[in-house]
Amino acid sequence: MLGQARAKSAKVRWYRQEVTRLRIPERADLVTCHFDALNHVLDAADLERVFANVEATLQPAGSSSST
């Protein structure tokens, strides 16, 4: 699926990572989470780690949303 996504949009930087170990070299204006991905993070400490990683990825004025 990631290969197909890359073929459809060269403007987007696509990453494949474990969400609890999220590390993206760029800062982002927005982070989204689709298809109930967070429902698969069952441990509370792991979920806290996910949100800390998302916060570290966001620009200071960025935001996050879950759909």
PDB file of N, CA and C in Angstrom:
ATOM      1  N   MET A   1       0.819  -1.189   0.000  1.00  0.00           N
ATOM      2  CA  MET A   1       0.000   0.000   0.000  1.00  0.00           C
ATOM      3  C   MET A   1       0.865   1.258   0.000  1.00  0.00           C
ATOM      4  N   LEU A   2       1.946   1.218   0.743  1.00  0.00           N
ATOM      5  CA  LEU A   2       2.817   2.379   0.786  1.00  0.00           C
ATOM      6  C   LEU A   2       3.435   2.652  -0.583  1.00  0.00           C
ATOM      7  N   GLY A   3       3.792   1.623  -1.289  1.00  0.00           N
ATOM      8  CA  GLY A   3       4.327   1.780  -2.642  1.00  0.00           C
ATOM      9  C   GLY A   3       3.315   2.412  -3.576  1.00  0.00           C
ATOM     10  N   GLN A   4       2.058   2.007  -3.459  1.00  0.00           N
ATOM     11  CA  GLN A   4       1.016   2.600  -4.290  1.00  0.00           C
ATOM     12  C   GLN A   4       0.795   4.062  -3.931  1.00  0.00           C
ATOM     13  N   ALA A   5       0.827   4.366  -2.643  1.00  0.00           N
ATOM     14  CA  ALA A   5       0.657   5.756  -2.207  1.00  0.00           C
ATOM     15  C   ALA A   5       1.790   6.621  -2.734  1.00  0.00           C
ATOM     16  N   ARG A   6       3.015   6.121  -2.657  1.00  0.00           N
ATOM     17  CA  ARG A   6       4.160   6.883  -3.170  1.00  0.00           C
ATOM     18  C   ARG A   6       4.031   7.135  -4.663  1.00  0.00           C
ATOM     19  N   ALA A   7       3.512   6.154  -5.397  1.00  0.00           N
ATOM     20  CA  ALA A   7       3.344   6.312  -6.840  1.00  0.00           C
ATOM     21  C   ALA A   7       2.290   7.358  -7.176  1.00  0.00           C
ATOM     22  N   LYS A   8       1.317   7.539  -6.307  1.00  0.00           N
ATOM     23  CA  LYS A   8       0.230   8.481  -6.567  1.00  0.00           C
ATOM     24  C   LYS A   8       0.554   9.905  -6.141  1.00  0.00           C
ATOM     25  N   SER A   9       1.463  10.073  -5.199  1.00  0.00           N
ATOM     26  CA  SER A   9       1.744  11.417  -4.710  1.00  0.00           C
ATOM     27  C   SER A   9       3.214  11.561  -4.334  1.00  0.00           C
ATOM     28  N   ALA A  10       3.951  12.237  -5.207  1.00  0.00           N
ATOM     29  CA  ALA A  10       5.362  12.507  -4.928  1.00  0.00           C
ATOM     30  C   ALA A  10       5.525  13.723  -4.023  1.00  0.00           C
ATOM     31  N   LYS A  11       4.459  14.472  -3.801  1.00  0.00           N
ATOM     32  CA  LYS A  11       4.526  15.677  -2.972  1.00  0.00           C
ATOM     33  C   LYS A  11       4.493  15.361  -1.475  1.00  0.00           C
ATOM     34  N   VAL A  12       4.082  14.154  -1.135  1.00  0.00           N
ATOM     35  CA  VAL A  12       3.938  13.753   0.261  1.00  0.00           C
ATOM     36  C   VAL A  12       5.152  12.927   0.659  1.00  0.00           C
ATOM     37  N   ARG A  13       5.644  13.141   1.869  1.00  0.00           N
ATOM     38  CA  ARG A  13       6.705  12.280   2.408  1.00  0.00           C
ATOM     39  C   ARG A  13       6.027  11.126   3.135  1.00  0.00           C
ATOM     40  N   TRP A  14       6.246   9.926   2.665  1.00  0.00           N
ATOM     41  CA  TRP A  14       5.618   8.746   3.231  1.00  0.00           C
ATOM     42  C   TRP A  14       6.617   8.015   4.118  1.00  0.00           C
ATOM     43  N   TYR A  15       6.164   7.618   5.307  1.00  0.00           N
ATOM     44  CA  TYR A  15       7.011   6.896   6.251  1.00  0.00           C
ATOM     45  C   TYR A  15       6.289   5.644   6.720  1.00  0.00           C
ATOM     46  N   ARG A  16       7.065   4.607   6.991  1.00  0.00           N
ATOM     47  CA  ARG A  16       6.526   3.379   7.585  1.00  0.00           C
ATOM     48  C   ARG A  16       7.266   3.166   8.900  1.00  0.00           C
ATOM     49  N   GLN A  17       6.526   3.303  10.003  1.00  0.00           N
ATOM     50  CA  GLN A  17       7.137   3.187  11.320  1.00  0.00           C
ATOM     51  C   GLN A  17       6.137   2.615  12.310  1.00  0.00           C
ATOM     52  N   GLU A  18       6.666   2.065  13.376  1.00  0.00           N
ATOM     53  CA  GLU A  18       5.836   1.683  14.517  1.00  0.00           C
ATOM     54  C   GLU A  18       5.410   2.974  15.207  1.00  0.00           C
ATOM     55  N   VAL A  19       4.126   3.150  15.416  1.00  0.00           N
ATOM     56  CA  VAL A  19       3.604   4.419  15.926  1.00  0.00           C
ATOM     57  C   VAL A  19       4.146   4.755  17.322  1.00  0.00           C
ATOM     58  N   THR A  20       4.499   3.747  18.104  1.00  0.00           N
ATOM     59  CA  THR A  20       5.050   4.025  19.433  1.00  0.00           C
ATOM     60  C   THR A  20       6.503   4.487  19.367  1.00  0.00           C
ATOM     61  N   ARG A  21       7.115   4.357  18.198  1.00  0.00           N
ATOM     62  CA  ARG A  21       8.508   4.796  18.012  1.00  0.00           C
ATOM     63  C   ARG A  21       8.608   5.873  16.944  1.00  0.00           C
ATOM     64  N   LEU A  22       7.556   6.616  16.734  1.00  0.00           N
ATOM     65  CA  LEU A  22       7.484   7.623  15.684  1.00  0.00           C
ATOM     66  C   LEU A  22       8.640   8.609  15.763  1.00  0.00           C
ATOM     67  N   ARG A  23       9.392   8.717  14.689  1.00  0.00           N
ATOM     68  CA  ARG A  23      10.469   9.688  14.563  1.00  0.00           C
ATOM     69  C   ARG A  23      10.476  10.183  13.126  1.00  0.00           C
ATOM     70  N   ILE A  24      10.182  11.437  12.942  1.00  0.00           N
ATOM     71  CA  ILE A  24      10.162  12.037  11.611  1.00  0.00           C
ATOM     72  C   ILE A  24      11.142  13.205  11.627  1.00  0.00           C
ATOM     73  N   PRO A  25      12.048  13.285  10.660  1.00  0.00           N
ATOM     74  CA  PRO A  25      13.075  14.321  10.704  1.00  0.00           C
ATOM     75  C   PRO A  25      12.542  15.742  10.529  1.00  0.00           C
ATOM     76  N   GLU A  26      11.422  15.892   9.866  1.00  0.00           N
ATOM     77  CA  GLU A  26      10.833  17.212   9.665  1.00  0.00           C
ATOM     78  C   GLU A  26       9.820  17.517  10.760  1.00  0.00           C
ATOM     79  N   ARG A  27       9.572  18.793  10.985  1.00  0.00           N
ATOM     80  CA  ARG A  27       8.485  19.203  11.871  1.00  0.00           C
ATOM     81  C   ARG A  27       7.231  19.346  11.019  1.00  0.00           C
ATOM     82  N   ALA A  28       6.084  19.042  11.569  1.00  0.00           N
ATOM     83  CA  ALA A  28       4.823  19.046  10.825  1.00  0.00           C
ATOM     84  C   ALA A  28       3.873  20.096  11.375  1.00  0.00           C
ATOM     85  N   ASP A  29       3.025  20.620  10.500  1.00  0.00           N
ATOM     86  CA  ASP A  29       1.977  21.548  10.910  1.00  0.00           C
ATOM     87  C   ASP A  29       0.750  20.803  11.420  1.00  0.00           C
ATOM     88  N   LEU A  30       0.589  19.566  10.972  1.00  0.00           N
ATOM     89  CA  LEU A  30      -0.598  18.795  11.307  1.00  0.00           C
ATOM     90  C   LEU A  30      -0.252  17.311  11.334  1.00  0.00           C
ATOM     91  N   VAL A  31      -0.803  16.605  12.294  1.00  0.00           N
ATOM     92  CA  VAL A  31      -0.673  15.155  12.362  1.00  0.00           C
ATOM     93  C   VAL A  31      -2.081  14.588  12.436  1.00  0.00           C
ATOM     94  N   THR A  32      -2.359  13.599  11.597  1.00  0.00           N
ATOM     95  CA  THR A  32      -3.665  12.941  11.634  1.00  0.00           C
ATOM     96  C   THR A  32      -3.474  11.448  11.880  1.00  0.00           C
ATOM     97  N   CYS A  33      -4.504  10.824  12.375  1.00  0.00           N
ATOM     98  CA  CYS A  33      -4.491   9.391  12.621  1.00  0.00           C
ATOM     99  C   CYS A  33      -5.780   8.818  12.043  1.00  0.00           C
ATOM    100  N   HIS A  34      -5.639   7.887  11.125  1.00  0.00           N
ATOM    101  CA  HIS A  34      -6.799   7.367  10.398  1.00  0.00           C
ATOM    102  C   HIS A  34      -7.069   5.903  10.726  1.00  0.00           C
ATOM    103  N   PHE A  35      -8.277   5.492  10.430  1.00  0.00           N
ATOM    104  CA  PHE A  35      -8.696   4.088  10.485  1.00  0.00           C
ATOM    105  C   PHE A  35      -8.502   3.454  11.859  1.00  0.00           C
ATOM    106  N   ASP A  36      -8.807   4.190  12.897  1.00  0.00           N
ATOM    107  CA  ASP A  36      -8.766   3.667  14.263  1.00  0.00           C
ATOM    108  C   ASP A  36      -7.410   3.089  14.651  1.00  0.00           C
ATOM    109  N   ALA A  37      -6.340   3.629  14.109  1.00  0.00           N
ATOM    110  CA  ALA A  37      -4.999   3.103  14.389  1.00  0.00           C
ATOM    111  C   ALA A  37      -4.680   3.132  15.875  1.00  0.00           C
ATOM    112  N   LEU A  38      -5.149   4.139  16.580  1.00  0.00           N
ATOM    113  CA  LEU A  38      -4.845   4.224  18.010  1.00  0.00           C
ATOM    114  C   LEU A  38      -5.540   3.135  18.814  1.00  0.00           C
ATOM    115  N   ASN A  39      -6.588   2.548  18.287  1.00  0.00           N
ATOM    116  CA  ASN A  39      -7.271   1.458  18.986  1.00  0.00           C
ATOM    117  C   ASN A  39      -6.388   0.219  19.109  1.00  0.00           C
ATOM    118  N   HIS A  40      -5.315   0.164  18.331  1.00  0.00           N
ATOM    119  CA  HIS A  40      -4.409  -0.983  18.370  1.00  0.00           C
ATOM    120  C   HIS A  40      -3.263  -0.777  19.361  1.00  0.00           C
ATOM    121  N   VAL A  41      -3.201   0.395  19.952  1.00  0.00           N
ATOM    122  CA  VAL A  41      -2.205   0.674  20.992  1.00  0.00           C
ATOM    123  C   VAL A  41      -2.900   0.395  22.327  1.00  0.00           C
ATOM    124  N   LEU A  42      -2.654  -0.769  22.886  1.00  0.00           N
ATOM    125  CA  LEU A  42      -3.429  -1.238  24.032  1.00  0.00           C
ATOM    126  C   LEU A  42      -2.836  -0.839  25.380  1.00  0.00           C
ATOM    127  N   ASP A  43      -1.550  -0.611  25.440  1.00  0.00           N
ATOM    128  CA  ASP A  43      -0.888  -0.277  26.699  1.00  0.00           C
ATOM    129  C   ASP A  43      -0.929   1.242  26.922  1.00  0.00           C
ATOM    130  N   ALA A  44      -1.318   1.670  28.107  1.00  0.00           N
ATOM    131  CA  ALA A  44      -1.448   3.103  28.403  1.00  0.00           C
ATOM    132  C   ALA A  44      -0.114   3.829  28.252  1.00  0.00           C
ATOM    133  N   ALA A  45       0.981   3.207  28.667  1.00  0.00           N
ATOM    134  CA  ALA A  45       2.297   3.843  28.534  1.00  0.00           C
ATOM    135  C   ALA A  45       2.675   4.004  27.061  1.00  0.00           C
ATOM    136  N   ASP A  46       2.331   3.011  26.240  1.00  0.00           N
ATOM    137  CA  ASP A  46       2.592   3.120  24.807  1.00  0.00           C
ATOM    138  C   ASP A  46       1.772   4.242  24.193  1.00  0.00           C
ATOM    139  N   LEU A  47       0.524   4.373  24.611  1.00  0.00           N
ATOM    140  CA  LEU A  47      -0.323   5.434  24.084  1.00  0.00           C
ATOM    141  C   LEU A  47       0.225   6.815  24.470  1.00  0.00           C
ATOM    142  N   GLU A  48       0.692   6.950  25.690  1.00  0.00           N
ATOM    143  CA  GLU A  48       1.319   8.205  26.114  1.00  0.00           C
ATOM    144  C   GLU A  48       2.559   8.490  25.266  1.00  0.00           C
ATOM    145  N   ARG A  49       3.329   7.458  24.960  1.00  0.00           N
ATOM    146  CA  ARG A  49       4.515   7.607  24.123  1.00  0.00           C
ATOM    147  C   ARG A  49       4.129   8.073  22.722  1.00  0.00           C
ATOM    148  N   VAL A  50       3.046   7.524  22.178  1.00  0.00           N
ATOM    149  CA  VAL A  50       2.563   7.940  20.856  1.00  0.00           C
ATOM    150  C   VAL A  50       2.276   9.435  20.857  1.00  0.00           C
ATOM    151  N   PHE A  51       1.520   9.902  21.844  1.00  0.00           N
ATOM    152  CA  PHE A  51       1.165  11.317  21.870  1.00  0.00           C
ATOM    153  C   PHE A  51       2.371  12.207  22.127  1.00  0.00           C
ATOM    154  N   ALA A  52       3.324  11.749  22.916  1.00  0.00           N
ATOM    155  CA  ALA A  52       4.557  12.519  23.125  1.00  0.00           C
ATOM    156  C   ALA A  52       5.345  12.621  21.820  1.00  0.00           C
ATOM    157  N   ASN A  53       5.394  11.529  21.054  1.00  0.00           N
ATOM    158  CA  ASN A  53       6.087  11.544  19.765  1.00  0.00           C
ATOM    159  C   ASN A  53       5.386  12.466  18.777  1.00  0.00           C
ATOM    160  N   VAL A  54       4.064  12.454  18.781  1.00  0.00           N
ATOM    161  CA  VAL A  54       3.308  13.351  17.903  1.00  0.00           C
ATOM    162  C   VAL A  54       3.586  14.804  18.295  1.00  0.00           C
ATOM    163  N   GLU A  55       3.571  15.084  19.577  1.00  0.00           N
ATOM    164  CA  GLU A  55       3.853  16.447  20.041  1.00  0.00           C
ATOM    165  C   GLU A  55       5.253  16.890  19.613  1.00  0.00           C
ATOM    166  N   ALA A  56       6.231  15.989  19.689  1.00  0.00           N
ATOM    167  CA  ALA A  56       7.594  16.320  19.275  1.00  0.00           C
ATOM    168  C   ALA A  56       7.702  16.566  17.773  1.00  0.00           C
ATOM    169  N   THR A  57       6.787  15.987  17.023  1.00  0.00           N
ATOM    170  CA  THR A  57       6.783  16.147  15.565  1.00  0.00           C
ATOM    171  C   THR A  57       6.149  17.463  15.134  1.00  0.00           C
ATOM    172  N   LEU A  58       5.218  17.960  15.924  1.00  0.00           N
ATOM    173  CA  LEU A  58       4.471  19.170  15.540  1.00  0.00           C
ATOM    174  C   LEU A  58       5.300  20.436  15.668  1.00  0.00           C
ATOM    175  N   GLN A  59       5.059  21.350  14.726  1.00  0.00           N
ATOM    176  CA  GLN A  59       5.570  22.711  14.865  1.00  0.00           C
ATOM    177  C   GLN A  59       4.973  23.287  16.151  1.00  0.00           C
ATOM    178  N   PRO A  60       5.592  24.273  16.756  1.00  0.00           N
ATOM    179  CA  PRO A  60       5.035  24.849  17.983  1.00  0.00           C
ATOM    180  C   PRO A  60       3.577  25.316  17.841  1.00  0.00           C
ATOM    181  N   ALA A  61       3.192  25.765  16.663  1.00  0.00           N
ATOM    182  CA  ALA A  61       1.816  26.228  16.446  1.00  0.00           C
ATOM    183  C   ALA A  61       0.955  25.169  15.760  1.00  0.00           C
ATOM    184  N   GLY A  62       1.453  23.929  15.660  1.00  0.00           N
ATOM    185  CA  GLY A  62       0.714  22.868  14.976  1.00  0.00           C
ATOM    186  C   GLY A  62      -0.430  22.327  15.810  1.00  0.00           C
ATOM    187  N   SER A  63      -1.152  21.399  15.243  1.00  0.00           N
ATOM    188  CA  SER A  63      -2.269  20.784  15.941  1.00  0.00           C
ATOM    189  C   SER A  63      -2.308  19.309  15.606  1.00  0.00           C
ATOM    190  N   SER A  64      -3.125  18.566  16.310  1.00  0.00           N
ATOM    191  CA  SER A  64      -3.318  17.156  15.996  1.00  0.00           C
ATOM    192  C   SER A  64      -4.797  16.848  15.966  1.00  0.00           C
ATOM    193  N   SER A  65      -5.169  15.841  15.193  1.00  0.00           N
ATOM    194  CA  SER A  65      -6.573  15.410  15.155  1.00  0.00           C
ATOM    195  C   SER A  65      -6.605  13.923  14.920  1.00  0.00           C
ATOM    196  N   SER A  66      -7.674  13.306  15.336  1.00  0.00           N
ATOM    197  CA  SER A  66      -7.859  11.883  15.099  1.00  0.00           C
ATOM    198  C   SER A  66      -9.176  11.709  14.372  1.00  0.00           C
ATOM    199  N   THR A  67      -9.163  10.946  13.267  1.00  0.00           N
ATOM    200  CA  THR A  67     -10.404  10.717  12.516  1.00  0.00           C
ATOM    201  C   THR A  67     -10.699   9.254  12.420  1.00  0.00           C
TER     202      THR A  67
END
